[in-house]
Amino acid sequence: MTKVIAMPESWPAGTQILQQDTFEGHLITSRPETVVQDNRDYLAPYTHPHAPYQSTILRDRYALTLAERYDRIRDISNWKFENRRSGDYHTLLLNPPDSGHSVWLMWDLNWNLKFWYVNFQEPIRRTTSGIVVEDLSLDIKIAPDKTWSWKDEDEFEYSIERGGFTHDQILAVRTEADRVVNTIEQWGSPFCDGWESWRADKKWPVPALPHDWKDLES
């Protein structure tokens, strides 16, 4: 008899989960994280400095032309996973429920805020061991002084020209982007909520990458 594992409704703070990032449904990154908060406002995982992870993401991708980048990213047959480590920074990800974006905060090792970051994505999908995130290319980077700029806008527009996104995805991202930009300019939630003062529990260990990091739940 097959054992059925129930999907967790929420994870307590300190729980170690796996975030699996996908691109066009294919796994590109698996990263172990620690849950900070999981409630009606946010699922908020934390990435420790120097945490292990696996990734196929191109190194030095911005040295390539847009066309080369587009083709290389989609050449799934040549994807190779590499053992990597997070850098010298702390990262907190704020995922609002059923939202088309997440908001990241990144600090250096001494907890000096480096920047905020908005990642446009499909709404997160929960699994028994973590979450799956489908990236949609476009991003926004926000400095501590609240000035902001688009990131990968050229890649997003080029992907549209090449047919990399559906009409519904394009409309969803642009609608979500307008909403987020308005929030940034008004400095609304979560930017005004004091998250920059948050600190990780020193008792939390750096999570290990589970043995089944490559398995995507359907």
Protein backbone atom coordinates (compact mmCIF):
# COMPACT_ATOMS: atom_id res chain seq x y z
CA MET A 1 0.00 0.00 0.00
CA THR A 2 1.38 3.40 -1.03
CA LYS A 3 1.85 5.86 1.81
CA VAL A 4 0.18 9.21 1.10
CA ILE A 5 2.12 12.21 2.41
CA ALA A 6 -0.11 15.16 3.21
CA MET A 7 0.79 18.57 1.82
CA PRO A 8 1.69 20.88 4.73
CA GLU A 9 -0.67 23.79 5.27
CA SER A 10 2.19 25.81 6.73
CA TRP A 11 5.70 25.28 8.07
CA PRO A 12 6.82 26.45 11.52
CA ALA A 13 9.69 28.94 11.73
CA GLY A 14 13.03 27.15 11.58
CA THR A 15 11.79 24.37 9.27
CA GLN A 16 14.23 23.49 6.50
CA ILE A 17 12.61 23.31 3.06
CA LEU A 18 13.78 22.99 -0.54
CA GLN A 19 13.17 25.71 -3.11
CA GLN A 20 13.27 24.41 -6.67
CA ASP A 21 13.42 27.06 -9.39
CA THR A 22 12.19 26.07 -12.83
CA PHE A 23 12.33 27.57 -16.30
CA GLU A 24 9.65 26.51 -18.76
CA GLY A 25 8.88 23.65 -16.40
CA HIS A 26 12.47 22.34 -16.20
CA LEU A 27 14.50 22.39 -13.02
CA ILE A 28 17.34 24.94 -13.02
CA THR A 29 18.18 25.39 -9.33
CA SER A 30 17.60 23.54 -6.05
CA ARG A 31 18.34 25.47 -2.90
CA PRO A 32 17.82 24.49 0.78
CA GLU A 33 16.30 27.25 2.87
CA THR A 34 14.98 27.93 6.38
CA VAL A 35 11.41 29.09 6.94
CA VAL A 36 11.12 32.45 8.71
CA GLN A 37 7.36 32.89 8.40
CA ASP A 38 4.53 31.00 6.77
CA ASN A 39 1.10 32.57 7.18
CA ARG A 40 -1.61 34.48 5.32
CA ASP A 41 0.82 37.34 4.61
CA TYR A 42 3.96 35.61 3.37
CA LEU A 43 5.82 32.40 3.00
CA ALA A 44 9.25 33.77 3.81
CA PRO A 45 12.27 31.47 3.43
CA TYR A 46 15.82 32.52 4.30
CA THR A 47 18.98 31.58 2.40
CA HIS A 48 22.06 31.35 4.63
CA PRO A 49 25.44 32.65 3.48
CA HIS A 50 27.57 29.87 1.97
CA ALA A 51 24.65 27.42 1.84
CA PRO A 52 25.06 24.57 -0.67
CA TYR A 53 22.88 24.40 -3.76
CA GLN A 54 22.73 22.91 -7.25
CA SER A 55 22.29 25.04 -10.36
CA THR A 56 22.41 24.91 -14.15
CA ILE A 57 22.24 28.71 -14.54
CA LEU A 58 24.78 30.07 -16.99
CA ARG A 59 27.92 31.57 -15.54
CA ASP A 60 28.91 34.93 -17.05
CA ARG A 61 25.56 34.99 -18.87
CA TYR A 62 25.73 38.76 -19.37
CA ALA A 63 28.87 38.37 -21.45
CA LEU A 64 26.65 36.76 -24.09
CA THR A 65 24.46 38.57 -26.58
CA LEU A 66 20.70 38.43 -26.02
CA ALA A 67 20.32 35.93 -28.85
CA GLU A 68 23.12 33.70 -27.50
CA ARG A 69 21.69 33.90 -23.99
CA TYR A 70 18.19 33.02 -25.19
CA ASP A 71 19.40 30.01 -27.19
CA ARG A 72 21.79 28.74 -24.53
CA ILE A 73 19.20 28.98 -21.76
CA ARG A 74 16.76 26.91 -23.82
CA ASP A 75 19.29 24.29 -24.90
CA ILE A 76 18.12 21.85 -22.23
CA SER A 77 20.19 18.97 -23.62
CA ASN A 78 23.38 20.78 -22.59
CA TRP A 79 22.27 21.78 -19.09
CA LYS A 80 24.65 20.53 -16.40
CA PHE A 81 24.08 20.88 -12.67
CA GLU A 82 26.98 22.20 -10.60
CA ASN A 83 27.67 22.09 -6.88
CA ARG A 84 27.66 25.70 -5.72
CA ARG A 85 27.57 27.79 -2.55
CA SER A 86 25.67 30.97 -1.80
CA GLY A 87 27.90 34.04 -1.55
CA ASP A 88 28.77 36.38 1.30
CA TYR A 89 25.23 37.55 1.87
CA HIS A 90 22.00 36.84 3.71
CA THR A 91 18.80 36.61 1.63
CA LEU A 92 15.19 36.77 2.77
CA LEU A 93 12.41 36.05 0.26
CA LEU A 94 8.87 37.33 0.84
CA ASN A 95 6.32 35.33 -1.18
CA PRO A 96 2.78 36.73 -0.88
CA PRO A 97 0.12 34.02 -1.34
CA ASP A 98 -1.03 33.48 -4.94
CA SER A 99 1.15 36.35 -6.14
CA GLY A 100 3.04 36.87 -9.40
CA HIS A 101 6.14 38.19 -7.66
CA SER A 102 8.38 37.79 -4.64
CA VAL A 103 10.33 40.48 -2.79
CA TRP A 104 13.89 39.73 -1.70
CA LEU A 105 16.10 41.52 0.80
CA MET A 106 19.84 41.01 0.60
CA TRP A 107 22.36 41.95 3.29
CA ASP A 108 26.13 41.54 3.49
CA LEU A 109 27.66 39.30 6.16
CA ASN A 110 27.42 42.15 8.70
CA TRP A 111 23.71 42.66 7.99
CA ASN A 112 24.15 45.91 6.10
CA LEU A 113 21.27 46.08 3.60
CA LYS A 114 22.61 45.81 0.04
CA PHE A 115 19.34 46.08 -1.88
CA TRP A 116 15.75 44.96 -2.31
CA TYR A 117 14.87 42.82 -5.31
CA VAL A 118 11.57 41.99 -6.98
CA ASN A 119 11.40 38.72 -8.89
CA PHE A 120 8.45 38.24 -11.26
CA GLN A 121 7.30 34.63 -11.30
CA GLU A 122 4.35 32.30 -11.42
CA PRO A 123 2.59 31.90 -8.06
CA ILE A 124 4.63 29.49 -5.94
CA ARG A 125 3.61 25.84 -5.90
CA ARG A 126 3.92 24.01 -2.61
CA THR A 127 5.27 20.47 -2.45
CA THR A 128 5.61 18.08 0.47
CA SER A 129 9.19 19.26 1.05
CA GLY A 130 9.21 22.86 -0.16
CA ILE A 131 8.21 25.09 -3.05
CA VAL A 132 8.57 25.27 -6.82
CA VAL A 133 9.09 28.69 -8.43
CA GLU A 134 8.74 29.30 -12.19
CA ASP A 135 10.79 32.37 -13.10
CA LEU A 136 9.47 34.89 -15.65
CA SER A 137 12.74 36.76 -16.40
CA LEU A 138 11.80 40.32 -15.45
CA ASP A 139 13.13 41.80 -12.19
CA ILE A 140 13.43 45.10 -10.33
CA LYS A 141 16.40 46.12 -8.16
CA ILE A 142 15.87 48.71 -5.41
CA ALA A 143 18.68 50.49 -3.58
CA PRO A 144 18.48 51.30 0.15
CA ASP A 145 17.82 54.94 -0.81
CA LYS A 146 14.61 53.72 -2.56
CA THR A 147 15.81 54.39 -6.12
CA TRP A 148 14.93 51.52 -8.41
CA SER A 149 15.70 50.16 -11.87
CA TRP A 150 14.57 47.33 -14.12
CA LYS A 151 16.74 44.25 -14.40
CA ASP A 152 16.64 41.88 -17.38
CA GLU A 153 14.00 44.00 -19.11
CA ASP A 154 15.83 43.50 -22.40
CA GLU A 155 15.82 39.73 -21.88
CA PHE A 156 12.10 39.75 -21.10
CA GLU A 157 11.25 41.78 -24.21
CA TYR A 158 13.52 39.67 -26.40
CA SER A 159 11.87 36.51 -25.08
CA ILE A 160 8.49 37.97 -26.07
CA GLU A 161 9.79 38.60 -29.61
CA ARG A 162 11.03 35.00 -29.82
CA GLY A 163 7.77 33.54 -28.52
CA GLY A 164 9.17 32.53 -25.13
CA PHE A 165 6.05 33.57 -23.21
CA THR A 166 2.34 33.06 -23.71
CA HIS A 167 -0.04 35.98 -24.11
CA ASP A 168 -1.43 35.30 -20.62
CA GLN A 169 2.03 35.30 -19.07
CA ILE A 170 2.96 38.59 -20.75
CA LEU A 171 -0.24 40.25 -19.59
CA ALA A 172 0.15 38.88 -16.07
CA VAL A 173 3.76 40.07 -15.73
CA ARG A 174 3.04 43.56 -17.08
CA THR A 175 -0.01 43.95 -14.84
CA GLU A 176 1.95 42.75 -11.82
CA ALA A 177 4.89 45.01 -12.72
CA ASP A 178 2.65 48.10 -12.84
CA ARG A 179 1.22 47.20 -9.45
CA VAL A 180 4.65 46.64 -7.89
CA VAL A 181 6.14 49.83 -9.32
CA ASN A 182 3.26 51.81 -7.83
CA THR A 183 3.90 50.15 -4.46
CA ILE A 184 7.61 50.97 -4.64
CA GLU A 185 6.97 54.61 -5.51
CA GLN A 186 4.46 54.89 -2.64
CA TRP A 187 6.84 52.85 -0.45
CA GLY A 188 4.03 50.59 0.59
CA SER A 189 4.07 47.11 2.11
CA PRO A 190 6.32 45.15 2.40
CA PHE A 191 8.92 47.88 1.88
CA CYS A 192 7.63 50.01 4.75
CA ASP A 193 7.19 47.12 7.18
CA GLY A 194 10.63 47.12 8.80
CA TRP A 195 11.93 43.91 7.23
CA GLU A 196 15.36 45.48 6.81
CA SER A 197 15.75 45.17 10.60
CA TRP A 198 14.98 41.44 10.59
CA ARG A 199 17.78 39.09 11.64
CA ALA A 200 18.10 35.32 11.37
CA ASP A 201 18.05 33.17 14.49
CA LYS A 202 21.68 32.35 15.27
CA LYS A 203 20.63 28.85 16.33
CA TRP A 204 19.48 27.95 12.82
CA PRO A 205 22.00 25.61 11.16
CA VAL A 206 22.99 25.99 7.54
CA PRO A 207 20.64 23.50 5.81
CA ALA A 208 21.96 20.61 3.77
CA LEU A 209 20.81 19.78 0.27
CA PRO A 210 18.52 16.72 0.46
CA HIS A 211 19.33 13.60 -1.56
CA ASP A 212 16.20 14.04 -3.71
CA TRP A 213 16.95 17.66 -4.64
CA LYS A 214 16.55 16.84 -8.35
CA ASP A 215 13.07 15.32 -8.09
CA LEU A 216 10.21 17.60 -9.10
CA GLU A 217 6.84 16.68 -7.63
CA SER A 218 4.07 16.72 -10.24
